[in-house]
N, C-alpha and C. Protein backbone atom coordinates (compact mmCIF):
# COMPACT_ATOMS: atom_id res chain seq x y z
N MET A 1 0.87 -1.15 -0.01
CA MET A 1 -0.08 0.05 0.18
C MET A 1 0.72 1.50 0.00
N ASN A 2 0.78 2.04 -0.92
CA ASN A 2 1.25 3.34 -0.97
C ASN A 2 1.21 4.33 0.03
N SER A 3 2.03 5.38 0.19
CA SER A 3 1.82 6.31 1.42
C SER A 3 0.49 7.28 0.80
N SER A 4 0.28 7.48 -0.42
CA SER A 4 -1.08 8.22 -0.60
C SER A 4 -2.28 7.52 -0.21
N LEU A 5 -2.55 6.05 -0.53
CA LEU A 5 -3.52 5.64 -0.03
C LEU A 5 -3.61 5.38 1.32
N ARG A 6 -2.56 5.21 2.24
CA ARG A 6 -2.50 5.18 3.60
C ARG A 6 -3.17 6.58 4.20
N THR A 7 -2.85 7.70 3.74
CA THR A 7 -3.34 9.02 4.12
C THR A 7 -4.72 8.87 3.79
N PHE A 8 -5.26 8.59 2.61
CA PHE A 8 -6.59 8.90 2.34
C PHE A 8 -7.36 7.96 3.17
N LEU A 9 -6.88 6.62 3.58
CA LEU A 9 -7.73 5.77 4.45
C LEU A 9 -7.58 6.64 5.87
N GLY A 10 -6.50 7.09 6.21
CA GLY A 10 -6.61 7.59 7.71
C GLY A 10 -7.43 8.70 7.83
N LEU A 11 -7.52 9.70 6.79
CA LEU A 11 -8.38 10.87 6.84
C LEU A 11 -9.86 10.34 6.81
N ALA A 12 -10.35 9.16 6.08
CA ALA A 12 -11.51 8.88 5.89
C ALA A 12 -12.03 7.97 7.21
N LEU A 13 -11.18 7.43 8.25
CA LEU A 13 -11.42 6.98 9.31
C LEU A 13 -11.55 7.96 10.45
N PHE A 14 -11.01 9.27 10.09
CA PHE A 14 -10.83 10.29 11.19
C PHE A 14 -12.20 11.08 10.88
N VAL A 15 -12.39 11.21 9.75
CA VAL A 15 -13.99 12.17 9.24
C VAL A 15 -14.99 11.15 9.50
N ALA A 16 -15.01 10.17 9.47
CA ALA A 16 -16.35 9.14 9.35
C ALA A 16 -16.96 9.60 10.91
N PRO A 17 -16.25 9.37 11.99
CA PRO A 17 -16.91 9.56 13.02
C PRO A 17 -17.65 11.04 13.50
N LEU A 18 -16.95 11.73 12.97
CA LEU A 18 -17.45 13.33 12.93
C LEU A 18 -18.70 13.42 12.25
N SER A 19 -18.78 12.63 11.13
CA SER A 19 -20.24 12.99 10.26
C SER A 19 -21.05 12.25 10.85
N ALA A 20 -20.87 10.76 11.34
CA ALA A 20 -21.73 9.90 11.90
C ALA A 20 -22.43 10.62 13.33
N GLY A 21 -21.22 11.40 13.94
CA GLY A 21 -21.95 12.16 15.18
C GLY A 21 -23.16 12.73 14.86
N CYS A 22 -22.97 13.92 13.95
CA CYS A 22 -24.21 14.80 13.50
C CYS A 22 -25.16 14.10 13.23
N ALA A 23 -24.81 13.34 12.36
CA ALA A 23 -26.11 12.64 11.66
C ALA A 23 -26.88 11.71 12.81
N SER A 24 -26.33 11.31 13.56
CA SER A 24 -26.96 10.67 14.72
C SER A 24 -28.02 11.37 15.34
N ARG A 25 -27.93 12.90 15.48
CA ARG A 25 -28.99 13.13 16.34
C ARG A 25 -30.29 13.16 15.79
N THR A 26 -31.36 13.33 16.70
CA THR A 26 -32.68 13.38 15.93
C THR A 26 -33.02 14.89 15.63
N ALA A 27 -33.89 14.99 14.52
CA ALA A 27 -34.58 16.21 14.22
C ALA A 27 -35.19 16.79 15.17
N PRO A 28 -35.12 18.23 15.64
CA PRO A 28 -34.46 19.08 14.65
C PRO A 28 -33.12 19.61 15.29
N PHE A 29 -32.47 18.89 16.21
CA PHE A 29 -31.21 19.08 16.51
C PHE A 29 -30.07 18.40 15.56
N ASP A 30 -30.37 18.17 14.60
CA ASP A 30 -29.28 17.45 13.59
C ASP A 30 -29.36 18.81 12.70
N GLN A 31 -29.88 19.75 12.60
CA GLN A 31 -29.68 21.00 11.93
C GLN A 31 -29.39 22.01 12.74
N MET A 32 -29.04 21.82 13.48
CA MET A 32 -28.67 23.17 14.61
C MET A 32 -27.01 23.55 14.90
N ASP A 33 -26.38 22.85 14.09
CA ASP A 33 -24.72 23.30 14.24
C ASP A 33 -24.58 24.63 14.14
N GLN A 34 -25.24 25.29 13.44
CA GLN A 34 -25.09 27.24 13.58
C GLN A 34 -26.17 28.05 14.21
N ALA A 35 -26.95 27.15 15.40
CA ALA A 35 -27.86 27.83 15.82
C ALA A 35 -27.19 28.25 17.15
N GLN A 36 -28.11 29.83 17.39
CA GLN A 36 -27.37 30.44 18.81
C GLN A 36 -28.08 29.85 19.74
N ILE A 37 -27.71 29.36 20.85
CA ILE A 37 -27.85 28.81 22.24
C ILE A 37 -27.72 29.67 23.43
N THR A 38 -28.75 29.84 24.22
CA THR A 38 -28.89 30.35 25.28
C THR A 38 -29.34 29.84 26.23
N VAL A 39 -28.62 29.79 27.46
CA VAL A 39 -28.94 29.04 28.96
C VAL A 39 -29.47 30.17 29.91
N LEU A 40 -30.54 29.65 30.39
CA LEU A 40 -31.10 30.71 31.42
C LEU A 40 -31.32 29.97 32.50
N ARG A 41 -31.02 30.51 33.83
CA ARG A 41 -31.24 30.29 35.20
C ARG A 41 -32.89 30.74 35.39
N LEU A 42 -33.71 30.26 35.85
CA LEU A 42 -35.23 30.35 36.04
C LEU A 42 -35.68 30.34 37.28
N THR A 43 -36.82 30.78 37.44
CA THR A 43 -37.59 30.53 38.99
C THR A 43 -38.79 30.90 38.30
N ALA A 44 -39.96 30.65 39.64
CA ALA A 44 -41.18 30.92 39.31
C ALA A 44 -41.15 32.22 39.45
N PRO A 45 -42.31 32.86 38.50
CA PRO A 45 -42.33 34.52 38.79
C PRO A 45 -43.02 35.13 40.10
N PRO A 46 -42.62 36.26 40.79
CA PRO A 46 -43.34 36.49 41.73
C PRO A 46 -44.97 36.76 41.97
N PRO A 47 -45.51 36.45 42.74
CA PRO A 47 -47.04 36.90 42.72
C PRO A 47 -47.34 38.45 42.34
N PRO A 48 -48.49 38.71 41.76
CA PRO A 48 -48.23 40.27 41.55
C PRO A 48 -48.75 40.63 43.19
N VAL A 49 -48.67 42.21 43.31
CA VAL A 49 -48.96 42.90 44.51
C VAL A 49 -50.07 43.54 44.32
N ALA A 50 -51.12 43.03 45.08
CA ALA A 50 -52.56 43.64 44.87
C ALA A 50 -52.63 44.97 45.86
N ALA A 51 -53.47 45.94 45.24
CA ALA A 51 -53.58 47.07 45.91
C ALA A 51 -54.45 47.02 46.85
N THR A 52 -54.50 47.57 48.08
CA THR A 52 -55.28 47.64 49.20
C THR A 52 -56.37 48.74 49.14
N PRO A 53 -57.52 48.66 48.57
CA PRO A 53 -58.49 50.00 48.69
C PRO A 53 -58.90 50.63 49.77
N ALA A 54 -58.62 51.86 50.11
CA ALA A 54 -59.00 52.33 51.24
C ALA A 54 -60.43 52.63 51.74
N THR A 55 -60.64 52.31 53.00
CA THR A 55 -61.87 52.29 53.42
C THR A 55 -62.26 54.00 53.87
N PRO A 56 -63.40 54.33 53.22
CA PRO A 56 -63.85 55.59 53.64
C PRO A 56 -64.27 55.94 55.19
N GLY A 57 -63.55 56.89 55.88
CA GLY A 57 -63.62 56.93 56.90
C GLY A 57 -63.17 56.17 58.03
N ALA A 58 -62.07 55.49 57.52
CA ALA A 58 -61.39 54.75 58.40
C ALA A 58 -60.21 55.39 59.14
N LEU A 59 -59.84 55.12 60.18
CA LEU A 59 -58.80 55.95 60.98
C LEU A 59 -57.38 55.30 60.46
N PRO A 60 -56.66 56.85 60.08
CA PRO A 60 -55.34 56.12 59.54
C PRO A 60 -54.60 55.44 60.56
N GLY A 61 -53.84 54.57 59.64
CA GLY A 61 -52.96 53.40 60.80
C GLY A 61 -53.78 52.31 60.90
N ILE A 62 -55.16 52.38 61.13
CA ILE A 62 -55.91 51.14 61.37
C ILE A 62 -56.96 50.88 60.24
N PRO A 63 -56.35 50.27 59.04
CA PRO A 63 -57.49 49.93 58.18
C PRO A 63 -58.71 49.21 58.15
N GLY A 64 -59.55 49.78 57.59
CA GLY A 64 -60.89 49.35 58.00
C GLY A 64 -61.59 49.51 59.16
N LEU A 65 -61.36 50.34 60.16
CA LEU A 65 -61.80 51.03 61.21
C LEU A 65 -62.33 52.28 61.31
N PRO A 66 -63.99 52.24 60.88
CA PRO A 66 -64.60 53.46 60.80
C PRO A 66 -64.51 54.44 62.05
N ILE A 67 -64.63 55.47 61.81
CA ILE A 67 -64.71 56.13 62.87
C ILE A 67 -66.21 57.42 62.75
N PRO A 68 -66.92 57.70 63.60
CA PRO A 68 -67.96 58.59 63.58
C PRO A 68 -67.39 60.20 63.14
N PRO A 69 -68.55 60.70 62.29
CA PRO A 69 -68.13 61.73 61.23
C PRO A 69 -67.54 62.95 61.95
N GLU A 70 -68.08 63.29 63.39
CA GLU A 70 -67.39 64.29 64.30
C GLU A 70 -66.18 64.10 64.61
N MET A 71 -65.80 62.86 64.95
CA MET A 71 -64.30 62.43 65.35
C MET A 71 -63.56 62.60 64.54
N GLN A 72 -63.95 62.34 63.25
CA GLN A 72 -63.22 62.28 61.86
C GLN A 72 -62.75 63.79 61.71
N ALA A 73 -63.92 64.79 61.88
CA ALA A 73 -63.43 66.17 61.76
C ALA A 73 -62.45 66.80 62.60
N ALA A 74 -62.79 66.23 63.86
CA ALA A 74 -61.66 66.70 64.98
C ALA A 74 -60.44 66.36 64.63
N GLY A 75 -60.30 65.08 64.18
CA GLY A 75 -59.05 64.36 63.93
C GLY A 75 -58.35 65.26 62.87
N GLN A 76 -59.07 65.44 61.77
CA GLN A 76 -58.44 66.24 60.62
C GLN A 76 -58.01 67.53 61.11
N GLN A 77 -58.48 68.07 61.92
CA GLN A 77 -58.10 69.68 62.48
C GLN A 77 -56.98 69.50 62.82
N LEU A 78 -56.83 68.45 64.14
CA LEU A 78 -55.75 67.91 64.72
C LEU A 78 -54.29 67.75 63.54
N LEU A 79 -54.66 67.00 62.86
CA LEU A 79 -53.61 66.53 61.58
C LEU A 79 -53.27 68.14 61.11
N GLN A 80 -54.24 68.94 60.52
CA GLN A 80 -53.76 70.23 60.30
C GLN A 80 -52.87 70.93 60.76
N GLY A 81 -53.21 71.14 62.43
CA GLY A 81 -52.38 71.85 62.92
C GLY A 81 -51.13 71.36 63.41
N LEU A 82 -51.07 69.86 63.34
CA LEU A 82 -49.56 69.57 63.47
C LEU A 82 -49.02 69.58 62.23
N SER A 83 -49.25 69.61 60.99
CA SER A 83 -48.71 69.60 59.62
C SER A 83 -48.21 71.11 59.65
N GLN A 84 -48.89 72.13 60.20
CA GLN A 84 -48.60 73.49 60.13
C GLN A 84 -47.21 73.97 61.13
N ALA A 85 -47.55 73.08 62.18
CA ALA A 85 -46.46 73.33 63.06
C ALA A 85 -45.12 72.52 62.98
N ALA A 86 -45.35 71.78 62.16
CA ALA A 86 -44.03 70.77 61.74
C ALA A 86 -44.40 70.09 60.42
N PRO A 87 -43.92 71.00 59.41
CA PRO A 87 -44.29 70.41 58.07
C PRO A 87 -43.40 69.18 57.56
N GLY A 88 -44.27 68.40 56.99
CA GLY A 88 -43.44 67.20 56.50
C GLY A 88 -43.56 65.94 57.69
N LEU A 89 -44.20 66.40 59.05
CA LEU A 89 -44.42 65.39 59.71
C LEU A 89 -45.48 64.54 59.42
N ILE A 90 -46.50 64.89 58.80
CA ILE A 90 -47.74 64.04 58.53
C ILE A 90 -47.66 63.84 57.33
N PRO A 91 -47.69 62.55 56.66
CA PRO A 91 -47.54 61.90 55.51
C PRO A 91 -48.85 62.82 54.49
N PRO A 92 -48.44 62.87 53.48
CA PRO A 92 -49.49 63.11 52.47
C PRO A 92 -50.70 62.20 52.40
N GLY A 93 -51.79 62.59 52.24
CA GLY A 93 -53.05 61.79 51.99
C GLY A 93 -53.70 61.81 53.24
N LEU A 94 -53.36 62.13 54.34
CA LEU A 94 -54.14 62.04 55.62
C LEU A 94 -54.91 63.33 56.01
N ILE A 95 -54.57 64.35 55.38
CA ILE A 95 -55.04 65.91 55.47
C ILE A 95 -55.78 65.82 54.40
N PRO A 96 -57.17 66.14 54.13
CA PRO A 96 -57.83 66.86 53.08
C PRO A 96 -57.31 67.90 52.19
N GLY A 97 -57.21 67.71 50.81
CA GLY A 97 -56.97 68.65 50.00
C GLY A 97 -55.25 68.50 49.73
N GLN A 98 -54.69 67.58 50.28
CA GLN A 98 -53.42 67.02 50.19
C GLN A 98 -53.25 66.08 49.05
N THR A 99 -52.29 66.07 48.45
CA THR A 99 -52.11 65.19 47.30
C THR A 99 -51.29 63.85 47.73
N GLN A 100 -51.85 62.43 48.12
CA GLN A 100 -51.13 61.68 48.38
C GLN A 100 -50.34 61.03 47.31
N GLN A 101 -48.90 60.71 47.82
CA GLN A 101 -47.95 60.37 46.73
C GLN A 101 -48.23 58.47 46.31
N PRO A 102 -48.20 58.49 45.15
CA PRO A 102 -48.53 57.04 44.54
C PRO A 102 -47.33 56.21 45.12
N ALA A 103 -47.95 54.76 45.20
CA ALA A 103 -47.30 54.05 45.83
C ALA A 103 -46.29 53.36 44.81
N PRO A 104 -44.99 53.11 45.29
CA PRO A 104 -43.90 52.83 44.11
C PRO A 104 -44.23 51.55 43.43
N ALA A 105 -44.10 51.72 42.01
CA ALA A 105 -44.64 50.33 41.35
C ALA A 105 -43.85 49.33 41.25
N GLN A 106 -44.31 48.23 41.07
CA GLN A 106 -43.57 46.95 41.61
C GLN A 106 -42.73 46.65 40.55
N GLN A 107 -41.45 46.47 40.84
CA GLN A 107 -40.26 46.13 39.86
C GLN A 107 -40.85 44.93 39.01
N GLN A 108 -40.52 45.18 37.48
CA GLN A 108 -40.78 44.38 36.49
C GLN A 108 -39.93 43.06 36.48
N VAL A 109 -40.19 42.31 36.22
CA VAL A 109 -39.30 40.76 36.54
C VAL A 109 -39.36 40.45 35.02
N PRO A 110 -37.95 40.20 34.54
CA PRO A 110 -38.03 39.93 33.09
C PRO A 110 -38.53 38.17 32.78
N LEU A 111 -39.65 37.80 31.92
CA LEU A 111 -40.07 36.58 31.82
C LEU A 111 -39.42 36.00 30.62
N TRP A 112 -39.39 34.70 30.71
CA TRP A 112 -39.29 33.87 29.59
C TRP A 112 -40.17 32.70 29.57
N ASN A 113 -41.17 32.50 28.34
CA ASN A 113 -42.32 31.63 28.61
C ASN A 113 -42.97 31.61 29.86
N GLY A 114 -43.08 32.69 30.50
CA GLY A 114 -44.15 33.02 31.72
C GLY A 114 -43.05 32.53 32.82
N LEU A 115 -41.90 32.35 33.06
CA LEU A 115 -41.23 32.02 33.98
C LEU A 115 -40.02 33.20 34.18
N ALA A 116 -39.63 33.20 35.21
CA ALA A 116 -38.67 34.41 35.81
C ALA A 116 -37.44 34.18 35.34
N ILE A 117 -36.69 35.07 34.90
CA ILE A 117 -35.24 35.00 34.57
C ILE A 117 -34.35 35.43 35.39
N VAL A 118 -33.65 34.64 36.33
CA VAL A 118 -32.82 35.00 37.13
C VAL A 118 -31.23 35.62 36.47
N ALA A 119 -31.05 34.94 35.72
CA ALA A 119 -29.81 35.09 34.77
C ALA A 119 -29.72 34.20 33.40
N GLN A 120 -29.05 34.86 32.51
CA GLN A 120 -29.04 34.10 31.07
C GLN A 120 -27.78 34.44 30.41
N THR A 121 -27.16 33.16 29.96
CA THR A 121 -25.79 33.74 28.95
C THR A 121 -25.78 32.97 28.10
N PRO A 122 -25.49 33.48 26.99
CA PRO A 122 -25.28 32.78 25.56
C PRO A 122 -24.06 31.65 25.77
N VAL A 123 -24.13 30.30 24.97
CA VAL A 123 -23.19 29.51 24.93
C VAL A 123 -22.39 29.75 23.84
N THR A 124 -21.06 30.15 24.21
CA THR A 124 -19.93 30.38 23.12
C THR A 124 -18.95 29.21 22.99
N ASN A 125 -19.07 28.28 24.08
CA ASN A 125 -17.90 27.28 23.67
C ASN A 125 -18.64 26.20 22.99
N GLU A 126 -17.80 25.80 21.94
CA GLU A 126 -18.18 24.74 20.95
C GLU A 126 -18.53 23.54 21.71
N ASP A 127 -17.67 22.82 22.31
CA ASP A 127 -17.59 21.81 23.21
C ASP A 127 -18.87 21.85 23.92
N MET A 128 -19.44 22.76 24.52
CA MET A 128 -20.63 22.88 25.45
C MET A 128 -21.84 22.97 24.41
N LYS A 129 -21.62 23.88 23.54
CA LYS A 129 -22.96 23.67 22.26
C LYS A 129 -22.81 22.13 21.87
N ASN A 130 -22.00 21.57 21.49
CA ASN A 130 -22.22 20.04 20.87
C ASN A 130 -22.46 19.08 22.30
N ASP A 131 -22.21 19.45 23.26
CA ASP A 131 -22.59 18.69 24.50
C ASP A 131 -24.24 18.80 24.54
N LEU A 132 -24.87 19.90 24.42
CA LEU A 132 -26.22 20.19 24.71
C LEU A 132 -26.98 19.58 23.43
N LEU A 133 -26.52 19.67 22.08
CA LEU A 133 -27.03 19.33 20.82
C LEU A 133 -26.99 17.80 20.83
N ASP A 134 -25.86 17.36 21.50
CA ASP A 134 -25.93 15.59 21.27
C ASP A 134 -26.79 15.22 22.71
N LEU A 135 -26.94 15.79 23.64
CA LEU A 135 -27.88 15.31 24.54
C LEU A 135 -29.22 15.23 24.06
N PHE A 136 -29.78 16.48 23.67
CA PHE A 136 -31.33 16.74 23.48
C PHE A 136 -31.52 16.03 22.30
N GLY A 137 -30.45 15.88 21.41
CA GLY A 137 -30.72 14.97 20.06
C GLY A 137 -30.66 13.57 20.12
N ASP A 138 -30.29 13.07 21.55
CA ASP A 138 -30.04 11.57 21.58
C ASP A 138 -31.36 10.94 22.41
N GLU A 139 -32.13 10.07 21.89
CA GLU A 139 -32.98 9.47 22.53
C GLU A 139 -32.56 8.72 23.72
N ASP A 140 -31.42 8.45 24.18
CA ASP A 140 -30.51 7.38 24.99
C ASP A 140 -30.31 8.44 26.32
N SER A 141 -30.79 9.77 25.86
CA SER A 141 -30.51 10.76 26.87
C SER A 141 -31.95 10.70 28.29
N PHE A 142 -32.74 10.09 27.47
CA PHE A 142 -34.08 10.08 28.21
C PHE A 142 -34.56 8.80 28.81
N GLN A 143 -35.29 8.59 29.50
CA GLN A 143 -36.02 7.38 29.94
C GLN A 143 -37.72 7.66 30.35
N ALA A 144 -38.18 6.44 30.17
CA ALA A 144 -39.80 6.63 30.82
C ALA A 144 -39.59 6.56 32.20
N GLY A 145 -40.95 7.11 32.84
CA GLY A 145 -41.14 7.33 34.17
C GLY A 145 -42.13 8.24 34.53
N ALA A 146 -42.32 8.47 35.74
CA ALA A 146 -43.41 9.58 36.21
C ALA A 146 -42.90 10.85 36.01
N ASN A 147 -43.93 11.97 35.29
CA ASN A 147 -43.41 12.96 35.14
C ASN A 147 -44.24 14.48 35.87
N ASN A 148 -44.84 13.89 37.07
CA ASN A 148 -45.57 14.91 37.87
C ASN A 148 -44.78 15.94 38.33
N CYS A 149 -44.09 16.59 37.87
CA CYS A 149 -43.24 18.06 38.62
C CYS A 149 -44.21 18.69 39.18
N THR A 150 -43.76 19.10 40.53
CA THR A 150 -44.54 20.11 40.93
C THR A 150 -43.87 21.63 41.46
N THR A 151 -42.67 21.52 40.95
CA THR A 151 -41.83 22.64 41.04
C THR A 151 -41.66 23.46 39.70
N ALA A 152 -41.26 24.88 39.77
CA ALA A 152 -40.94 25.55 38.50
C ALA A 152 -39.27 24.93 38.25
N PRO A 153 -39.18 24.95 36.79
CA PRO A 153 -37.99 24.34 36.15
C PRO A 153 -36.80 25.52 36.69
N GLY A 154 -35.39 25.23 36.83
CA GLY A 154 -34.81 25.71 37.00
C GLY A 154 -33.66 26.23 35.95
N MET A 155 -33.99 25.75 34.68
CA MET A 155 -32.93 25.92 33.61
C MET A 155 -33.92 26.05 32.41
N GLY A 156 -33.27 26.96 31.58
CA GLY A 156 -34.01 26.63 30.39
C GLY A 156 -33.33 26.92 29.21
N VAL A 157 -33.20 26.43 27.99
CA VAL A 157 -32.32 26.31 26.95
C VAL A 157 -32.92 26.72 25.90
N SER A 158 -32.42 27.85 25.21
CA SER A 158 -32.85 28.31 23.78
C SER A 158 -32.26 28.13 22.96
N PHE A 159 -32.53 27.75 21.64
CA PHE A 159 -31.85 27.25 20.40
C PHE A 159 -32.72 28.28 19.35
N VAL A 160 -31.88 29.20 18.75
CA VAL A 160 -32.36 30.34 17.89
C VAL A 160 -31.57 29.95 16.37
N ARG A 161 -32.39 29.68 15.49
CA ARG A 161 -32.02 29.96 13.81
C ARG A 161 -32.73 30.72 13.13
N PRO A 162 -32.20 31.52 12.21
CA PRO A 162 -32.95 32.47 11.38
C PRO A 162 -33.82 31.91 10.80
N GLY A 163 -34.84 32.76 10.84
CA GLY A 163 -35.73 31.95 9.61
C GLY A 163 -36.73 30.74 10.11
N GLN A 164 -36.11 30.30 11.37
CA GLN A 164 -36.83 28.98 11.85
C GLN A 164 -37.58 29.41 13.28
N PRO A 165 -38.66 28.84 13.61
CA PRO A 165 -38.78 28.87 14.88
C PRO A 165 -38.25 28.33 15.90
N ASN A 166 -37.95 29.36 17.24
CA ASN A 166 -37.11 28.80 18.36
C ASN A 166 -37.75 27.70 19.13
N VAL A 167 -36.46 26.95 19.12
CA VAL A 167 -36.81 25.22 20.00
C VAL A 167 -36.16 26.00 21.41
N ASP A 168 -37.22 25.80 22.36
CA ASP A 168 -37.00 26.34 23.64
C ASP A 168 -37.45 24.83 24.41
N LEU A 169 -36.61 24.75 25.61
CA LEU A 169 -36.70 23.46 26.55
C LEU A 169 -36.37 24.07 27.89
N VAL A 170 -37.06 23.05 28.73
CA VAL A 170 -36.64 23.51 30.05
C VAL A 170 -36.26 22.36 31.13
N VAL A 171 -35.71 22.70 32.00
CA VAL A 171 -35.09 21.30 32.64
C VAL A 171 -35.32 21.49 34.19
N PHE A 172 -36.02 20.52 34.93
CA PHE A 172 -36.56 20.32 36.23
C PHE A 172 -35.29 19.42 36.63
N PHE A 173 -34.60 20.12 37.54
CA PHE A 173 -33.59 19.27 38.21
C PHE A 173 -34.01 18.55 39.19
N THR A 174 -34.97 19.09 40.00
CA THR A 174 -35.65 18.38 41.50
C THR A 174 -36.09 17.04 40.90
N CYS A 175 -36.82 16.76 39.78
CA CYS A 175 -37.63 15.46 39.32
C CYS A 175 -36.96 14.99 38.22
N SER A 176 -35.67 15.62 37.89
CA SER A 176 -34.92 15.01 36.82
C SER A 176 -35.63 14.86 35.37
N LYS A 177 -36.58 15.88 34.83
CA LYS A 177 -37.09 15.83 33.73
C LYS A 177 -36.69 17.10 32.87
N ALA A 178 -36.60 17.12 31.54
CA ALA A 178 -36.47 18.20 30.73
C ALA A 178 -37.72 17.98 29.70
N ALA A 179 -38.38 19.26 29.27
CA ALA A 179 -39.54 19.14 28.47
C ALA A 179 -39.50 20.14 27.47
N GLY A 180 -40.09 20.03 25.92
CA GLY A 180 -40.16 21.39 25.35
C GLY A 180 -41.21 22.15 25.72
N VAL A 181 -41.11 23.64 25.31
CA VAL A 181 -42.00 24.49 25.59
C VAL A 181 -42.72 24.61 24.40
N THR A 182 -44.03 24.77 24.61
CA THR A 182 -44.84 24.61 23.66
C THR A 182 -44.62 25.70 22.49
N PRO A 183 -44.75 25.50 21.20
CA PRO A 183 -45.09 24.10 20.68
C PRO A 183 -44.23 23.23 20.17
N PHE A 184 -43.18 23.17 20.76
CA PHE A 184 -41.87 22.22 20.42
C PHE A 184 -42.42 21.07 21.67
N THR A 185 -41.99 19.90 21.16
CA THR A 185 -42.35 18.67 22.08
C THR A 185 -40.91 17.86 21.75
N LEU A 186 -40.45 17.20 22.82
CA LEU A 186 -39.51 16.28 22.53
C LEU A 186 -39.85 14.99 21.52
N PRO A 187 -39.42 14.38 20.79
CA PRO A 187 -39.85 13.50 19.92
C PRO A 187 -39.67 12.17 19.98
N TYR A 188 -39.35 11.89 21.49
CA TYR A 188 -38.85 10.51 22.06
C TYR A 188 -40.46 9.89 22.86
N GLY A 189 -40.91 10.67 23.09
CA GLY A 189 -42.22 9.88 23.89
C GLY A 189 -41.71 9.31 25.18
N LYS A 190 -40.71 10.35 25.74
CA LYS A 190 -40.27 10.12 27.31
C LYS A 190 -39.41 11.42 27.32
N ASP A 191 -39.44 11.92 28.57
CA ASP A 191 -38.73 13.20 28.97
C ASP A 191 -38.15 13.12 30.23
N MET A 192 -38.03 11.80 31.12
CA MET A 192 -37.23 11.90 32.42
C MET A 192 -35.70 11.78 31.97
N LEU A 193 -34.96 12.60 32.76
CA LEU A 193 -33.38 12.46 32.06
C LEU A 193 -32.79 11.23 32.88
N THR A 194 -31.66 10.64 32.25
CA THR A 194 -31.09 9.25 32.76
C THR A 194 -30.17 10.28 33.94
N GLY A 195 -29.42 9.27 34.74
CA GLY A 195 -28.69 9.82 35.40
C GLY A 195 -27.45 10.78 34.82
N GLU A 196 -27.03 10.02 33.72
CA GLU A 196 -25.66 10.82 33.31
C GLU A 196 -26.32 12.19 32.64
N SER A 197 -27.51 12.05 32.22
CA SER A 197 -27.90 13.19 31.17
C SER A 197 -28.17 14.40 32.44
N HIS A 198 -28.55 14.14 33.49
CA HIS A 198 -29.10 15.17 34.62
C HIS A 198 -27.65 15.40 35.02
N GLN A 199 -26.86 14.71 35.32
CA GLN A 199 -25.30 15.20 35.70
C GLN A 199 -24.68 16.21 34.65
N LYS A 200 -24.59 15.76 33.30
CA LYS A 200 -24.26 16.70 32.62
C LYS A 200 -24.75 18.05 32.39
N LEU A 201 -26.11 18.11 32.50
CA LEU A 201 -26.81 19.35 32.58
C LEU A 201 -26.28 20.16 33.93
N SER A 202 -26.42 19.55 34.93
CA SER A 202 -26.02 20.27 36.26
C SER A 202 -24.65 20.70 36.14
N GLN A 203 -23.42 20.04 35.37
CA GLN A 203 -22.05 20.41 35.23
C GLN A 203 -22.17 21.68 34.37
N ILE A 204 -23.21 21.89 33.09
CA ILE A 204 -23.56 22.74 32.37
C ILE A 204 -23.88 24.00 33.31
N TYR A 205 -24.78 23.76 33.98
CA TYR A 205 -25.20 24.92 35.03
C TYR A 205 -24.65 25.35 35.82
N GLN A 206 -23.75 24.96 36.30
CA GLN A 206 -22.60 25.06 37.28
C GLN A 206 -21.51 26.15 36.46
N ALA A 207 -21.12 25.64 35.44
CA ALA A 207 -20.03 26.13 34.69
C ALA A 207 -20.23 27.41 33.90
N LEU A 208 -21.54 27.66 33.71
CA LEU A 208 -22.38 28.96 33.21
C LEU A 208 -22.70 30.15 34.06
N PHE A 209 -23.23 29.64 35.27
CA PHE A 209 -23.54 30.51 36.52
C PHE A 209 -22.84 30.43 37.66
N GLY A 210 -21.76 29.76 37.99
CA GLY A 210 -20.56 29.51 38.74
C GLY A 210 -21.05 29.37 39.97
N MET A 211 -22.25 28.44 40.00
CA MET A 211 -22.71 27.86 41.10
C MET A 211 -23.62 26.61 40.91
N ALA A 212 -23.60 25.80 41.94
CA ALA A 212 -24.33 24.61 42.04
C ALA A 212 -25.95 24.43 41.79
N VAL A 213 -26.34 24.00 41.16
CA VAL A 213 -28.23 23.76 41.01
C VAL A 213 -28.83 24.09 42.54
N PRO A 214 -29.33 25.21 42.91
CA PRO A 214 -29.91 25.35 43.97
C PRO A 214 -31.09 24.57 44.20
N PRO A 215 -31.38 23.74 45.57
CA PRO A 215 -32.64 23.08 45.86
C PRO A 215 -34.00 23.49 45.47
N GLY A 216 -34.62 22.37 45.04
CA GLY A 216 -36.05 22.97 44.17
C GLY A 216 -36.12 23.55 42.82
N SER A 217 -34.81 23.49 42.41
CA SER A 217 -35.01 24.03 40.78
C SER A 217 -35.38 22.79 39.73
């Protein structure tokens, strides 16, 4: 065998596994080599803050406790006197004619698919990209089992390709489950992570966010 043939065979043996590796991924992950991948640290969104309506005739400081009109008038006169003697002592809104300052607005929490974003980062490491594509694109990364998770997912993964719908997934570390976000669903008919898959995703989480997966994620 001449040297040229040996070189050709060597290259063929080297390239074949790489080609087979991408081809073995299940759609749509077999077409995502150039996708932009973002990993998000997630938590349940905070409950909305409900405004408490004021009760007419209620005594300031004691919500809902009505007082007689004559006592209310006397109290307003006392508050006016105190306000004139010490400006700024009486909070706005307690004296008739004063404008009450609006309550501070609730801080807006950024959401992703209805979940609160604690942190997010693009995946720029090619090895980590391939690890994520190989994991979600391989049926052997999943196993059958109960999937009644009651906690919010702790991690999200978003695959973005130009001109194509996003493929978004969430990971429930507590119950070792991954699931597609509607309208995408995993194509395997099972969504419980194997021990190896759970460990790999935990390592990716820690590498990107500099911390171990919090309990209850």
